[in-house]
């Protein structure tokens, strides 16, 4: 392509030189016609050269308008990450505490060596407030007139107190400086029992036998029977600390006391005659401790054996 354009350009120069030479050889200045002819020739050569260039060089497609790129904001550098600490594992068998921390006990304390009940009073006839567990330390709030008991605070219910037996307790501190509590009034126990006539027994004398069942919540440990023969106008009294059954005038089963649901036997002894067929009135008193002590209850039974 370059060689072709060079040839065209050279041709234009030669033609121009010939015309100029012709003009100079003629002598006088070229006429207007000659000048026009020369201009036409040069214009024709230039047009030819331009046409050749346009044919040789492809026309470039007009550029499409490209939108200016949107400037991208550079992200700010994040702070250095804080290295997370690995969680500590709770050792097996150790529970994570969820309750309030234990408040230390100041003053006189009672250390529990064996599980024992703390009651509203100094015997099993009183209701249980809570059970003090082995290893616990309880706050002692008072001494008592009974040397076998102290008064402690219920750790699950601050302000609530109860009587604790000292048999299984180690006391720390000055208990002598505490106030002294007197014995509370014994509550009415849930003592319930049933009595029924059983039979007449003959040994060296005659006896009336009764069956008894403990249907209450209080242990039965002793009894007294006052048996009246209304026909003979006689009376016999018997007291015992057991509810044994007798066979052939001998104890056949040892029943020292009656727990809830237990059954046993009561006897009215020493009748000098056979009371069979007589009108009998038996007043039976049963108590929660031996020798007719602590809580007692009485029933009257009328019958004919």
C-alpha atoms as a PDB file:
ATOM      1  CA  UNK A   1       0.000   0.000   0.000  1.00  0.00           C
ATOM      2  CA  UNK A   2       2.827   2.440   0.798  1.00  0.00           C
ATOM      3  CA  UNK A   3       4.505   1.720  -2.568  1.00  0.00           C
ATOM      4  CA  UNK A   4       1.239   2.415  -4.379  1.00  0.00           C
ATOM      5  CA  UNK A   5       0.777   5.779  -2.678  1.00  0.00           C
ATOM      6  CA  UNK A   6       4.384   6.660  -3.404  1.00  0.00           C
ATOM      7  CA  UNK A   7       3.828   5.965  -7.113  1.00  0.00           C
ATOM      8  CA  UNK A   8       0.733   8.163  -7.221  1.00  0.00           C
ATOM      9  CA  UNK A   9       2.538  10.972  -5.473  1.00  0.00           C
ATOM     10  CA  UNK A  10       5.478  10.693  -7.863  1.00  0.00           C
ATOM     11  CA  UNK A  11       3.129  10.835 -10.808  1.00  0.00           C
ATOM     12  CA  UNK A  12       1.616  14.042  -9.440  1.00  0.00           C
ATOM     13  CA  UNK A  13       5.070  15.618  -9.120  1.00  0.00           C
ATOM     14  CA  UNK A  14       6.086  14.631 -12.658  1.00  0.00           C
ATOM     15  CA  UNK A  15       2.878  16.048 -14.115  1.00  0.00           C
ATOM     16  CA  UNK A  16       3.384  19.275 -12.243  1.00  0.00           C
ATOM     17  CA  UNK A  17       6.994  19.536 -13.405  1.00  0.00           C
ATOM     18  CA  UNK A  18       6.038  18.978 -17.057  1.00  0.00           C
ATOM     19  CA  UNK A  19       3.458  21.676 -16.912  1.00  0.00           C
ATOM     20  CA  UNK A  20       5.826  24.075 -15.246  1.00  0.00           C
ATOM     21  CA  UNK A  21       8.516  23.313 -17.805  1.00  0.00           C
ATOM     22  CA  UNK A  22       6.095  23.876 -20.623  1.00  0.00           C
ATOM     23  CA  UNK A  23       5.167  27.163 -19.156  1.00  0.00           C
ATOM     24  CA  UNK A  24       8.782  28.277 -18.764  1.00  0.00           C
ATOM     25  CA  UNK A  25       9.679  27.209 -22.277  1.00  0.00           C
ATOM     26  CA  UNK A  26       6.902  29.313 -23.751  1.00  0.00           C
ATOM     27  CA  UNK A  27       8.505  32.474 -22.445  1.00  0.00           C
ATOM     28  CA  UNK A  28       5.678  34.714 -21.360  1.00  0.00           C
ATOM     29  CA  UNK A  29       3.572  34.063 -18.170  1.00  0.00           C
ATOM     30  CA  UNK A  30       1.057  31.312 -18.492  1.00  0.00           C
ATOM     31  CA  UNK A  31      -2.398  32.294 -19.410  1.00  0.00           C
ATOM     32  CA  UNK A  32      -5.413  31.844 -17.222  1.00  0.00           C
ATOM     33  CA  UNK A  33      -6.501  28.840 -19.189  1.00  0.00           C
ATOM     34  CA  UNK A  34      -3.192  27.170 -18.699  1.00  0.00           C
ATOM     35  CA  UNK A  35      -3.283  27.845 -15.004  1.00  0.00           C
ATOM     36  CA  UNK A  36      -6.739  26.388 -14.750  1.00  0.00           C
ATOM     37  CA  UNK A  37      -5.641  23.329 -16.643  1.00  0.00           C
ATOM     38  CA  UNK A  38      -2.722  22.821 -14.295  1.00  0.00           C
ATOM     39  CA  UNK A  39      -5.008  23.205 -11.230  1.00  0.00           C
ATOM     40  CA  UNK A  40      -7.501  20.740 -12.665  1.00  0.00           C
ATOM     41  CA  UNK A  41      -4.761  18.212 -13.283  1.00  0.00           C
ATOM     42  CA  UNK A  42      -3.383  18.511  -9.779  1.00  0.00           C
ATOM     43  CA  UNK A  43      -6.866  18.316  -8.299  1.00  0.00           C
ATOM     44  CA  UNK A  44      -7.586  15.205 -10.298  1.00  0.00           C
ATOM     45  CA  UNK A  45      -4.375  13.565  -9.113  1.00  0.00           C
ATOM     46  CA  UNK A  46      -5.153  14.511  -5.468  1.00  0.00           C
ATOM     47  CA  UNK A  47      -8.681  13.179  -5.742  1.00  0.00           C
ATOM     48  CA  UNK A  48      -7.377   9.968  -7.199  1.00  0.00           C
ATOM     49  CA  UNK A  49      -4.898   9.602  -4.384  1.00  0.00           C
ATOM     50  CA  UNK A  50      -7.610  10.263  -1.736  1.00  0.00           C
ATOM     51  CA  UNK A  51      -9.982   7.739  -3.345  1.00  0.00           C
ATOM     52  CA  UNK A  52      -7.245   5.176  -3.356  1.00  0.00           C
ATOM     53  CA  UNK A  53      -6.497   5.747   0.320  1.00  0.00           C
ATOM     54  CA  UNK A  54     -10.186   5.472   1.330  1.00  0.00           C
ATOM     55  CA  UNK A  55     -10.544   2.245  -0.637  1.00  0.00           C
ATOM     56  CA  UNK A  56      -7.421   0.798   0.903  1.00  0.00           C
ATOM     57  CA  UNK A  57      -8.056   1.802   4.512  1.00  0.00           C
ATOM     58  CA  UNK A  58     -11.385   0.419   5.953  1.00  0.00           C
ATOM     59  CA  UNK A  59     -13.628   2.933   7.540  1.00  0.00           C
ATOM     60  CA  UNK A  60     -13.560   2.501  11.272  1.00  0.00           C
ATOM     61  CA  UNK A  61     -16.907   2.147  12.992  1.00  0.00           C
ATOM     62  CA  UNK A  62     -17.792   5.183  15.076  1.00  0.00           C
ATOM     63  CA  UNK A  63     -16.877   4.539  18.670  1.00  0.00           C
ATOM     64  CA  UNK A  64     -19.709   3.738  21.058  1.00  0.00           C
ATOM     65  CA  UNK A  65     -19.948   5.908  24.094  1.00  0.00           C
ATOM     66  CA  UNK A  66     -18.537   4.070  27.038  1.00  0.00           C
ATOM     67  CA  UNK A  67     -19.789   5.263  30.428  1.00  0.00           C
ATOM     68  CA  UNK A  68     -17.167   6.489  32.767  1.00  0.00           C
ATOM     69  CA  UNK A  69     -16.212   3.829  35.275  1.00  0.00           C
ATOM     70  CA  UNK A  70     -17.617   4.308  38.700  1.00  0.00           C
ATOM     71  CA  UNK A  71     -14.945   4.887  41.256  1.00  0.00           C
ATOM     72  CA  UNK A  72     -14.651   1.967  43.633  1.00  0.00           C
ATOM     73  CA  UNK A  73     -14.157   2.938  47.265  1.00  0.00           C
ATOM     74  CA  UNK A  74     -11.339   1.086  48.877  1.00  0.00           C
ATOM     75  CA  UNK A  75     -12.506  -0.781  52.023  1.00  0.00           C
ATOM     76  CA  UNK A  76     -11.122   0.418  55.272  1.00  0.00           C
ATOM     77  CA  UNK A  77      -8.846  -2.094  56.915  1.00  0.00           C
ATOM     78  CA  UNK A  78     -10.661  -4.015  59.659  1.00  0.00           C
ATOM     79  CA  UNK A  79      -9.105  -4.037  63.070  1.00  0.00           C
ATOM     80  CA  UNK A  80      -7.078  -7.038  63.987  1.00  0.00           C
ATOM     81  CA  UNK A  81      -9.440  -9.807  65.180  1.00  0.00           C
ATOM     82  CA  UNK A  82      -9.446 -10.536  68.869  1.00  0.00           C
ATOM     83  CA  UNK A  83      -8.376 -14.105  69.396  1.00  0.00           C
ATOM     84  CA  UNK A  84     -11.217 -16.011  71.051  1.00  0.00           C
ATOM     85  CA  UNK A  85     -10.292 -17.981  74.094  1.00  0.00           C
ATOM     86  CA  UNK A  86     -11.244 -21.649  74.071  1.00  0.00           C
ATOM     87  CA  UNK A  87     -14.072 -22.348  76.528  1.00  0.00           C
ATOM     88  CA  UNK A  88     -13.061 -24.190  79.638  1.00  0.00           C
ATOM     89  CA  UNK A  89     -14.788 -27.536  80.051  1.00  0.00           C
ATOM     90  CA  UNK A  90     -16.677 -28.186  83.266  1.00  0.00           C
ATOM     91  CA  UNK A  91     -15.157 -31.248  84.941  1.00  0.00           C
ATOM     92  CA  UNK A  92     -17.398 -34.298  85.080  1.00  0.00           C
ATOM     93  CA  UNK A  93     -19.483 -34.549  88.190  1.00  0.00           C
ATOM     94  CA  UNK A  94     -19.195 -30.843  89.066  1.00  0.00           C
ATOM     95  CA  UNK A  95     -22.419 -28.981  88.391  1.00  0.00           C
ATOM     96  CA  UNK A  96     -22.320 -25.329  87.392  1.00  0.00           C
ATOM     97  CA  UNK A  97     -23.822 -23.258  90.175  1.00  0.00           C
ATOM     98  CA  UNK A  98     -27.190 -21.743  89.310  1.00  0.00           C
ATOM     99  CA  UNK A  99     -28.363 -20.669  92.738  1.00  0.00           C
ATOM    100  CA  UNK A 100     -27.303 -17.802  94.917  1.00  0.00           C
ATOM    101  CA  UNK A 101     -23.959 -18.200  96.676  1.00  0.00           C
ATOM    102  CA  UNK A 102     -23.994 -19.776 100.109  1.00  0.00           C
ATOM    103  CA  UNK A 103     -23.949 -17.145 102.819  1.00  0.00           C
ATOM    104  CA  UNK A 104     -21.348 -17.939 105.471  1.00  0.00           C
ATOM    105  CA  UNK A 105     -22.670 -18.612 108.967  1.00  0.00           C
ATOM    106  CA  UNK A 106     -21.329 -16.520 111.805  1.00  0.00           C
ATOM    107  CA  UNK A 107     -21.711 -17.270 115.500  1.00  0.00           C
ATOM    108  CA  UNK A 108     -22.665 -20.609 117.003  1.00  0.00           C
ATOM    109  CA  UNK A 109     -23.133 -23.444 114.500  1.00  0.00           C
ATOM    110  CA  UNK A 110     -24.219 -27.074 114.529  1.00  0.00           C
ATOM    111  CA  UNK A 111     -22.424 -29.541 112.252  1.00  0.00           C
ATOM    112  CA  UNK A 112     -24.641 -32.520 111.301  1.00  0.00           C
ATOM    113  CA  UNK A 113     -22.893 -35.921 111.504  1.00  0.00           C
ATOM    114  CA  UNK A 114     -25.918 -38.080 110.610  1.00  0.00           C
ATOM    115  CA  UNK A 115     -29.189 -37.249 108.879  1.00  0.00           C
ATOM    116  CA  UNK A 116     -31.671 -36.201 111.549  1.00  0.00           C
ATOM    117  CA  UNK A 117     -35.095 -34.584 111.658  1.00  0.00           C
ATOM    118  CA  UNK A 118     -35.605 -31.073 112.982  1.00  0.00           C
ATOM    119  CA  UNK A 119     -39.061 -30.744 114.581  1.00  0.00           C
ATOM    120  CA  UNK A 120     -41.374 -28.157 116.103  1.00  0.00           C
ATOM    121  CA  UNK A 121     -40.646 -29.639 119.540  1.00  0.00           C
ATOM    122  CA  UNK A 122     -38.352 -32.027 121.441  1.00  0.00           C
ATOM    123  CA  UNK A 123     -39.871 -35.430 120.596  1.00  0.00           C
ATOM    124  CA  UNK A 124     -41.220 -37.530 117.746  1.00  0.00           C
ATOM    125  CA  UNK A 125     -44.719 -36.388 118.707  1.00  0.00           C
ATOM    126  CA  UNK A 126     -43.976 -33.029 117.047  1.00  0.00           C
ATOM    127  CA  UNK A 127     -44.191 -32.485 113.280  1.00  0.00           C
ATOM    128  CA  UNK A 128     -41.011 -32.482 111.184  1.00  0.00           C
ATOM    129  CA  UNK A 129     -39.937 -29.072 109.839  1.00  0.00           C
ATOM    130  CA  UNK A 130     -37.065 -30.341 107.675  1.00  0.00           C
ATOM    131  CA  UNK A 131     -34.424 -33.065 107.622  1.00  0.00           C
ATOM    132  CA  UNK A 132     -30.890 -31.899 108.405  1.00  0.00           C
ATOM    133  CA  UNK A 133     -28.518 -33.772 106.107  1.00  0.00           C
ATOM    134  CA  UNK A 134     -25.128 -35.147 107.029  1.00  0.00           C
ATOM    135  CA  UNK A 135     -22.350 -32.608 106.483  1.00  0.00           C
ATOM    136  CA  UNK A 136     -24.586 -29.533 106.782  1.00  0.00           C
ATOM    137  CA  UNK A 137     -23.724 -26.604 109.056  1.00  0.00           C
ATOM    138  CA  UNK A 138     -26.728 -24.906 110.657  1.00  0.00           C
ATOM    139  CA  UNK A 139     -27.016 -21.664 112.549  1.00  0.00           C
ATOM    140  CA  UNK A 140     -27.871 -22.160 116.228  1.00  0.00           C
ATOM    141  CA  UNK A 141     -30.273 -19.431 117.388  1.00  0.00           C
ATOM    142  CA  UNK A 142     -31.186 -20.637 120.868  1.00  0.00           C
ATOM    143  CA  UNK A 143     -30.417 -23.041 123.653  1.00  0.00           C
ATOM    144  CA  UNK A 144     -33.317 -24.893 125.368  1.00  0.00           C
ATOM    145  CA  UNK A 145     -34.401 -26.120 128.771  1.00  0.00           C
ATOM    146  CA  UNK A 146     -33.941 -29.656 127.442  1.00  0.00           C
ATOM    147  CA  UNK A 147     -30.211 -30.427 127.375  1.00  0.00           C
ATOM    148  CA  UNK A 148     -30.695 -32.854 124.467  1.00  0.00           C
ATOM    149  CA  UNK A 149     -32.045 -30.219 122.073  1.00  0.00           C
ATOM    150  CA  UNK A 150     -31.017 -26.913 120.516  1.00  0.00           C
ATOM    151  CA  UNK A 151     -32.941 -24.599 118.221  1.00  0.00           C
ATOM    152  CA  UNK A 152     -31.523 -23.983 114.728  1.00  0.00           C
ATOM    153  CA  UNK A 153     -32.572 -21.990 111.698  1.00  0.00           C
ATOM    154  CA  UNK A 154     -33.975 -23.702 108.611  1.00  0.00           C
ATOM    155  CA  UNK A 155     -31.436 -22.859 105.848  1.00  0.00           C
ATOM    156  CA  UNK A 156     -34.136 -23.135 103.183  1.00  0.00           C
ATOM    157  CA  UNK A 157     -36.472 -20.725 105.007  1.00  0.00           C
ATOM    158  CA  UNK A 158     -34.584 -17.975 106.865  1.00  0.00           C
ATOM    159  CA  UNK A 159     -36.392 -16.974 110.036  1.00  0.00           C
ATOM    160  CA  UNK A 160     -38.006 -20.393 110.520  1.00  0.00           C
ATOM    161  CA  UNK A 161     -36.603 -22.386 113.454  1.00  0.00           C
ATOM    162  CA  UNK A 162     -36.956 -25.903 114.833  1.00  0.00           C
ATOM    163  CA  UNK A 163     -35.749 -28.204 117.597  1.00  0.00           C
ATOM    164  CA  UNK A 164     -32.704 -30.311 116.707  1.00  0.00           C
ATOM    165  CA  UNK A 165     -31.625 -33.385 118.680  1.00  0.00           C
ATOM    166  CA  UNK A 166     -27.946 -33.030 119.631  1.00  0.00           C
ATOM    167  CA  UNK A 167     -27.147 -36.755 119.548  1.00  0.00           C
ATOM    168  CA  UNK A 168     -25.690 -36.476 116.033  1.00  0.00           C
ATOM    169  CA  UNK A 169     -24.467 -32.872 116.184  1.00  0.00           C
ATOM    170  CA  UNK A 170     -21.148 -31.107 116.873  1.00  0.00           C
ATOM    171  CA  UNK A 171     -21.646 -27.577 118.223  1.00  0.00           C
ATOM    172  CA  UNK A 172     -19.096 -24.837 117.536  1.00  0.00           C
ATOM    173  CA  UNK A 173     -19.195 -21.512 119.343  1.00  0.00           C
ATOM    174  CA  UNK A 174     -20.537 -20.153 122.620  1.00  0.00           C
ATOM    175  CA  UNK A 175     -23.942 -21.753 123.120  1.00  0.00           C
ATOM    176  CA  UNK A 176     -24.063 -20.548 126.735  1.00  0.00           C
ATOM    177  CA  UNK A 177     -24.460 -16.981 125.553  1.00  0.00           C
ATOM    178  CA  UNK A 178     -27.613 -17.712 123.545  1.00  0.00           C
ATOM    179  CA  UNK A 179     -31.180 -17.221 124.802  1.00  0.00           C
ATOM    180  CA  UNK A 180     -32.954 -20.235 126.315  1.00  0.00           C
ATOM    181  CA  UNK A 181     -36.244 -21.502 124.855  1.00  0.00           C
ATOM    182  CA  UNK A 182     -38.897 -23.276 126.914  1.00  0.00           C
ATOM    183  CA  UNK A 183     -40.763 -26.388 125.807  1.00  0.00           C
ATOM    184  CA  UNK A 184     -43.598 -25.724 123.377  1.00  0.00           C
ATOM    185  CA  UNK A 185     -47.149 -26.920 123.888  1.00  0.00           C
ATOM    186  CA  UNK A 186     -47.516 -30.462 122.632  1.00  0.00           C
ATOM    187  CA  UNK A 187     -49.761 -30.528 119.555  1.00  0.00           C
ATOM    188  CA  UNK A 188     -52.757 -32.783 119.313  1.00  0.00           C
ATOM    189  CA  UNK A 189     -51.392 -35.882 117.575  1.00  0.00           C
ATOM    190  CA  UNK A 190     -53.032 -37.744 114.785  1.00  0.00           C
ATOM    191  CA  UNK A 191     -53.610 -40.744 117.041  1.00  0.00           C
ATOM    192  CA  UNK A 192     -56.277 -43.084 115.749  1.00  0.00           C
ATOM    193  CA  UNK A 193     -56.773 -46.756 116.576  1.00  0.00           C
ATOM    194  CA  UNK A 194     -59.549 -49.336 116.478  1.00  0.00           C
ATOM    195  CA  UNK A 195     -60.413 -51.816 119.242  1.00  0.00           C
ATOM    196  CA  UNK A 196     -62.507 -54.986 119.006  1.00  0.00           C
ATOM    197  CA  UNK A 197     -63.272 -57.738 121.508  1.00  0.00           C
ATOM    198  CA  UNK A 198     -61.442 -60.981 120.684  1.00  0.00           C
ATOM    199  CA  UNK A 199     -62.028 -63.793 123.260  1.00  0.00           C
ATOM    200  CA  UNK A 200     -61.945 -65.017 126.893  1.00  0.00           C
ATOM    201  CA  UNK A 201     -58.763 -66.812 127.934  1.00  0.00           C
ATOM    202  CA  UNK A 202     -58.444 -69.103 130.967  1.00  0.00           C
ATOM    203  CA  UNK A 203     -55.076 -69.625 132.658  1.00  0.00           C
ATOM    204  CA  UNK A 204     -54.577 -69.394 136.436  1.00  0.00           C
ATOM    205  CA  UNK A 205     -57.383 -66.851 136.156  1.00  0.00           C
ATOM    206  CA  UNK A 206     -59.468 -65.423 133.360  1.00  0.00           C
ATOM    207  CA  UNK A 207     -58.532 -62.690 130.878  1.00  0.00           C
ATOM    208  CA  UNK A 208     -60.311 -60.674 128.230  1.00  0.00           C
ATOM    209  CA  UNK A 209     -58.405 -60.326 124.963  1.00  0.00           C
ATOM    210  CA  UNK A 210     -58.839 -57.468 122.431  1.00  0.00           C
ATOM    211  CA  UNK A 211     -57.456 -56.804 118.987  1.00  0.00           C
ATOM    212  CA  UNK A 212     -56.028 -53.332 118.252  1.00  0.00           C
ATOM    213  CA  UNK A 213     -54.976 -51.713 114.961  1.00  0.00           C
ATOM    214  CA  UNK A 214     -53.014 -48.458 114.620  1.00  0.00           C
ATOM    215  CA  UNK A 215     -54.798 -46.438 111.916  1.00  0.00           C
ATOM    216  CA  UNK A 216     -53.170 -43.090 112.777  1.00  0.00           C
ATOM    217  CA  UNK A 217     -49.737 -41.536 112.296  1.00  0.00           C
ATOM    218  CA  UNK A 218     -48.489 -41.803 115.905  1.00  0.00           C
ATOM    219  CA  UNK A 219     -46.591 -44.829 117.203  1.00  0.00           C
ATOM    220  CA  UNK A 220     -48.391 -46.737 119.988  1.00  0.00           C
ATOM    221  CA  UNK A 221     -46.147 -48.056 122.798  1.00  0.00           C
ATOM    222  CA  UNK A 222     -48.179 -48.697 125.973  1.00  0.00           C
ATOM    223  CA  UNK A 223     -51.752 -49.262 127.157  1.00  0.00           C
ATOM    224  CA  UNK A 224     -54.031 -49.458 130.188  1.00  0.00           C
ATOM    225  CA  UNK A 225     -57.305 -51.375 130.440  1.00  0.00           C
ATOM    226  CA  UNK A 226     -59.896 -50.840 133.150  1.00  0.00           C
ATOM    227  CA  UNK A 227     -62.394 -53.672 132.737  1.00  0.00           C
ATOM    228  CA  UNK A 228     -65.659 -53.556 134.736  1.00  0.00           C
ATOM    229  CA  UNK A 229     -67.950 -56.565 135.141  1.00  0.00           C
ATOM    230  CA  UNK A 230     -71.288 -54.807 135.513  1.00  0.00           C
ATOM    231  CA  UNK A 231     -73.007 -58.036 136.594  1.00  0.00           C
ATOM    232  CA  UNK A 232     -70.534 -58.855 139.379  1.00  0.00           C
ATOM    233  CA  UNK A 233     -69.705 -55.222 140.188  1.00  0.00           C
ATOM    234  CA  UNK A 234     -66.001 -55.917 139.988  1.00  0.00           C
ATOM    235  CA  UNK A 235     -63.161 -54.128 138.222  1.00  0.00           C
ATOM    236  CA  UNK A 236     -59.715 -55.235 137.002  1.00  0.00           C
ATOM    237  CA  UNK A 237     -56.889 -52.946 135.789  1.00  0.00           C
ATOM    238  CA  UNK A 238     -54.028 -54.016 133.523  1.00  0.00           C
ATOM    239  CA  UNK A 239     -51.095 -51.953 132.139  1.00  0.00           C
ATOM    240  CA  UNK A 240     -48.416 -53.089 129.659  1.00  0.00           C
ATOM    241  CA  UNK A 241     -45.652 -51.732 127.398  1.00  0.00           C
ATOM    242  CA  UNK A 242     -46.197 -54.245 124.590  1.00  0.00           C
ATOM    243  CA  UNK A 243     -48.926 -55.637 122.352  1.00  0.00           C
ATOM    244  CA  UNK A 244     -47.822 -59.285 122.323  1.00  0.00           C
ATOM    245  CA  UNK A 245     -50.087 -62.100 121.238  1.00  0.00           C
ATOM    246  CA  UNK A 246     -50.611 -65.002 123.676  1.00  0.00           C
ATOM    247  CA  UNK A 247     -51.279 -68.643 122.917  1.00  0.00           C
ATOM    248  CA  UNK A 248     -51.900 -71.204 125.713  1.00  0.00           C
ATOM    249  CA  UNK A 249     -51.184 -68.536 128.305  1.00  0.00           C
ATOM    250  CA  UNK A 250     -47.707 -67.790 126.820  1.00  0.00           C
ATOM    251  CA  UNK A 251     -46.495 -64.956 124.579  1.00  0.00           C
ATOM    252  CA  UNK A 252     -46.310 -66.358 121.061  1.00  0.00           C
ATOM    253  CA  UNK A 253     -45.351 -63.165 119.171  1.00  0.00           C
ATOM    254  CA  UNK A 254     -43.307 -60.226 120.426  1.00  0.00           C
ATOM    255  CA  UNK A 255     -44.902 -56.880 119.444  1.00  0.00           C
ATOM    256  CA  UNK A 256     -43.160 -54.098 121.437  1.00  0.00           C
ATOM    257  CA  UNK A 257     -45.011 -51.227 119.718  1.00  0.00           C
ATOM    258  CA  UNK A 258     -47.414 -50.500 116.887  1.00  0.00           C
ATOM    259  CA  UNK A 259     -46.394 -48.320 113.944  1.00  0.00           C
ATOM    260  CA  UNK A 260     -48.946 -46.990 111.481  1.00  0.00           C
ATOM    261  CA  UNK A 261     -50.843 -49.928 110.006  1.00  0.00           C
ATOM    262  CA  UNK A 262     -49.609 -52.460 112.579  1.00  0.00           C
ATOM    263  CA  UNK A 263     -51.904 -54.772 114.576  1.00  0.00           C
ATOM    264  CA  UNK A 264     -51.492 -56.237 118.046  1.00  0.00           C
ATOM    265  CA  UNK A 265     -53.297 -57.462 121.193  1.00  0.00           C
ATOM    266  CA  UNK A 266     -54.486 -55.922 124.463  1.00  0.00           C
ATOM    267  CA  UNK A 267     -55.445 -57.923 127.606  1.00  0.00           C
ATOM    268  CA  UNK A 268     -57.516 -57.317 130.711  1.00  0.00           C
ATOM    269  CA  UNK A 269     -56.166 -59.864 133.205  1.00  0.00           C
ATOM    270  CA  UNK A 270     -56.803 -61.239 136.689  1.00  0.00           C
ATOM    271  CA  UNK A 271     -60.532 -61.967 136.626  1.00  0.00           C
ATOM    272  CA  UNK A 272     -61.193 -64.511 139.489  1.00  0.00           C
ATOM    273  CA  UNK A 273     -64.178 -65.895 137.622  1.00  0.00           C
ATOM    274  CA  UNK A 274     -65.272 -66.557 134.092  1.00  0.00           C
ATOM    275  CA  UNK A 275     -66.763 -63.308 132.726  1.00  0.00           C
ATOM    276  CA  UNK A 276     -68.399 -64.989 129.756  1.00  0.00           C
ATOM    277  CA  UNK A 277     -71.957 -63.724 129.198  1.00  0.00           C
ATOM    278  CA  UNK A 278     -71.545 -60.791 131.579  1.00  0.00           C
ATOM    279  CA  UNK A 279     -71.976 -57.142 130.676  1.00  0.00           C
ATOM    280  CA  UNK A 280     -68.461 -55.704 130.373  1.00  0.00           C
ATOM    281  CA  UNK A 281     -67.380 -52.073 130.087  1.00  0.00           C
ATOM    282  CA  UNK A 282     -63.714 -51.723 129.093  1.00  0.00           C
ATOM    283  CA  UNK A 283     -61.991 -48.312 129.191  1.00  0.00           C
ATOM    284  CA  UNK A 284     -58.814 -48.632 127.072  1.00  0.00           C
ATOM    285  CA  UNK A 285     -56.100 -45.924 127.036  1.00  0.00           C
ATOM    286  CA  UNK A 286     -53.171 -46.141 124.606  1.00  0.00           C
ATOM    287  CA  UNK A 287     -50.100 -43.857 124.730  1.00  0.00           C
ATOM    288  CA  UNK A 288     -47.238 -42.971 122.372  1.00  0.00           C
ATOM    289  CA  UNK A 289     -44.470 -43.677 124.912  1.00  0.00           C
ATOM    290  CA  UNK A 290     -43.834 -46.388 127.473  1.00  0.00           C
ATOM    291  CA  UNK A 291     -45.425 -46.279 130.918  1.00  0.00           C
ATOM    292  CA  UNK A 292     -48.469 -44.362 129.711  1.00  0.00           C
ATOM    293  CA  UNK A 293     -46.466 -41.194 128.936  1.00  0.00           C
ATOM    294  CA  UNK A 294     -46.452 -38.558 126.194  1.00  0.00           C
ATOM    295  CA  UNK A 295     -49.563 -38.551 123.997  1.00  0.00           C
ATOM    296  CA  UNK A 296     -52.508 -40.759 125.042  1.00  0.00           C
ATOM    297  CA  UNK A 297     -55.955 -41.501 123.708  1.00  0.00           C
ATOM    298  CA  UNK A 298     -58.896 -43.365 125.331  1.00  0.00           C
ATOM    299  CA  UNK A 299     -61.744 -45.422 123.918  1.00  0.00           C
ATOM    300  CA  UNK A 300     -64.624 -47.123 125.782  1.00  0.00           C
ATOM    301  CA  UNK A 301     -65.980 -50.478 124.638  1.00  0.00           C
ATOM    302  CA  UNK A 302     -69.169 -52.143 125.961  1.00  0.00           C
ATOM    303  CA  UNK A 303     -69.876 -55.798 125.104  1.00  0.00           C
ATOM    304  CA  UNK A 304     -70.756 -59.302 126.370  1.00  0.00           C
ATOM    305  CA  UNK A 305     -68.053 -61.962 125.880  1.00  0.00           C
END
